[in-house]
């Protein structure tokens, strides 16, 4: 019998709790294209997570550990990234940042227009 995540993932994304998201990420599974608007993931360990295409608009990501996370096409509009660690996080031109003044490079993120971040994740996972 499929888990709740497998059922929902296959038919469209629903709202998830902080604990569910952290469990999925810590087990090395993808949160690709998840709908996580307004979620509180402050201080969460999300390093190396695949958040490709994920909607994190207005999410609280203060102090989140996001090193090496995959943010290609992710929506972080109005997300709170104060104190978040983004070194090595991959993004592309389709990634939406909290506001037009946000500088992902200053936070350590890497522009990967060809999708190398995703290819690296696939090779390791």
Protein backbone atom coordinates (compact mmCIF):
# COMPACT_ATOMS: atom_id res chain seq x y z
CA UNK A 1 0.00 0.00 0.00
CA UNK A 2 1.48 3.41 -0.97
CA UNK A 3 2.38 5.90 1.74
CA UNK A 4 0.54 9.21 1.99
CA UNK A 5 3.46 10.90 0.21
CA UNK A 6 3.39 8.42 -2.68
CA UNK A 7 -0.36 8.74 -3.08
CA UNK A 8 -0.36 12.54 -3.00
CA UNK A 9 2.79 12.87 -5.08
CA UNK A 10 1.23 10.86 -7.87
CA UNK A 11 -2.04 12.82 -8.04
CA UNK A 12 -0.93 16.36 -7.19
CA UNK A 13 0.55 18.07 -4.21
CA UNK A 14 -1.40 18.87 -1.06
CA UNK A 15 -0.36 20.87 1.97
CA UNK A 16 2.25 19.14 4.10
CA UNK A 17 3.41 19.63 7.65
CA UNK A 18 6.90 20.66 8.62
CA UNK A 19 7.54 17.17 10.01
CA UNK A 20 6.45 15.47 6.77
CA UNK A 21 8.74 17.64 4.65
CA UNK A 22 11.72 17.11 6.94
CA UNK A 23 11.10 13.35 6.97
CA UNK A 24 10.99 13.17 3.18
CA UNK A 25 14.18 15.23 2.81
CA UNK A 26 16.06 13.32 5.52
CA UNK A 27 15.18 10.04 3.80
CA UNK A 28 16.73 11.33 0.59
CA UNK A 29 13.47 11.53 -1.32
CA UNK A 30 12.49 14.39 -3.59
CA UNK A 31 10.15 17.25 -2.78
CA UNK A 32 10.16 18.16 -6.44
CA UNK A 33 7.19 20.37 -7.46
CA UNK A 34 5.73 20.25 -3.94
CA UNK A 35 3.30 22.93 -2.83
CA UNK A 36 4.85 24.30 0.36
CA UNK A 37 3.59 27.88 0.46
CA UNK A 38 3.58 29.53 3.89
CA UNK A 39 5.27 26.52 5.57
CA UNK A 40 7.50 27.07 8.59
CA UNK A 41 10.82 25.33 7.93
CA UNK A 42 12.88 27.67 10.09
CA UNK A 43 16.11 25.99 11.17
CA UNK A 44 15.27 22.83 9.21
CA UNK A 45 18.01 20.64 7.75
CA UNK A 46 17.28 20.63 4.03
CA UNK A 47 20.82 20.24 2.66
CA UNK A 48 21.07 18.49 -0.72
CA UNK A 49 17.26 18.31 -1.01
CA UNK A 50 15.71 18.30 -4.46
CA UNK A 51 13.30 21.24 -4.36
CA UNK A 52 13.13 21.62 -8.13
CA UNK A 53 9.95 23.45 -9.10
CA UNK A 54 8.77 23.57 -5.48
CA UNK A 55 6.53 26.47 -4.43
CA UNK A 56 8.03 27.87 -1.24
CA UNK A 57 6.43 31.30 -1.59
CA UNK A 58 6.06 33.06 1.77
CA UNK A 59 7.76 30.12 3.54
CA UNK A 60 9.69 30.75 6.74
CA UNK A 61 13.20 29.44 5.98
CA UNK A 62 15.07 31.53 8.55
CA UNK A 63 18.22 29.74 9.63
CA UNK A 64 17.46 26.72 7.41
CA UNK A 65 20.40 24.55 6.38
CA UNK A 66 20.08 24.58 2.60
CA UNK A 67 23.62 23.84 1.41
CA UNK A 68 23.63 22.14 -1.99
CA UNK A 69 19.83 22.20 -2.28
CA UNK A 70 18.41 22.09 -5.82
CA UNK A 71 16.27 25.16 -6.48
CA UNK A 72 15.88 25.02 -10.26
CA UNK A 73 12.52 26.63 -11.12
CA UNK A 74 11.65 26.92 -7.40
CA UNK A 75 9.39 29.75 -6.23
CA UNK A 76 10.79 31.52 -3.17
CA UNK A 77 8.80 34.75 -3.65
CA UNK A 78 8.42 36.55 -0.32
CA UNK A 79 10.09 33.62 1.51
CA UNK A 80 12.09 34.58 4.60
CA UNK A 81 15.67 33.42 4.00
CA UNK A 82 17.33 35.42 6.77
CA UNK A 83 20.22 33.36 8.11
CA UNK A 84 19.57 30.49 5.68
CA UNK A 85 22.72 28.74 4.48
CA UNK A 86 22.60 28.51 0.67
CA UNK A 87 26.22 27.72 -0.21
CA UNK A 88 26.35 25.48 -3.24
CA UNK A 89 22.60 25.66 -3.80
CA UNK A 90 21.84 25.36 -7.51
CA UNK A 91 19.37 27.69 -9.20
CA UNK A 92 18.56 28.91 -12.69
CA UNK A 93 16.87 31.86 -14.41
CA UNK A 94 13.46 30.37 -13.61
CA UNK A 95 14.08 30.39 -9.85
CA UNK A 96 12.00 33.12 -8.19
CA UNK A 97 13.76 34.73 -5.23
CA UNK A 98 12.14 36.54 -2.25
CA UNK A 99 12.31 39.91 -3.98
CA UNK A 100 14.05 41.61 -6.87
CA UNK A 101 16.90 42.80 -4.62
CA UNK A 102 17.82 39.33 -3.31
CA UNK A 103 21.34 38.30 -4.38
CA UNK A 104 21.63 34.49 -4.39
CA UNK A 105 25.34 34.61 -5.32
CA UNK A 106 26.08 36.68 -2.21
CA UNK A 107 24.43 33.88 -0.18
CA UNK A 108 26.65 31.28 -1.90
CA UNK A 109 24.14 29.88 -4.41
CA UNK A 110 25.36 28.83 -7.85
CA UNK A 111 23.64 29.69 -11.13
CA UNK A 112 23.39 26.44 -13.06
CA UNK A 113 21.51 27.30 -16.24
CA UNK A 114 22.19 23.93 -17.88
CA UNK A 115 20.77 21.94 -14.97
CA UNK A 116 24.14 20.64 -13.76
CA UNK A 117 22.81 20.75 -10.20
CA UNK A 118 20.08 18.28 -11.08
CA UNK A 119 22.47 16.09 -13.06
CA UNK A 120 24.84 16.01 -10.07
CA UNK A 121 21.97 15.02 -7.78
CA UNK A 122 20.83 12.26 -10.12
CA UNK A 123 24.38 10.88 -10.33
CA UNK A 124 24.63 10.73 -6.53
CA UNK A 125 21.10 9.55 -5.76
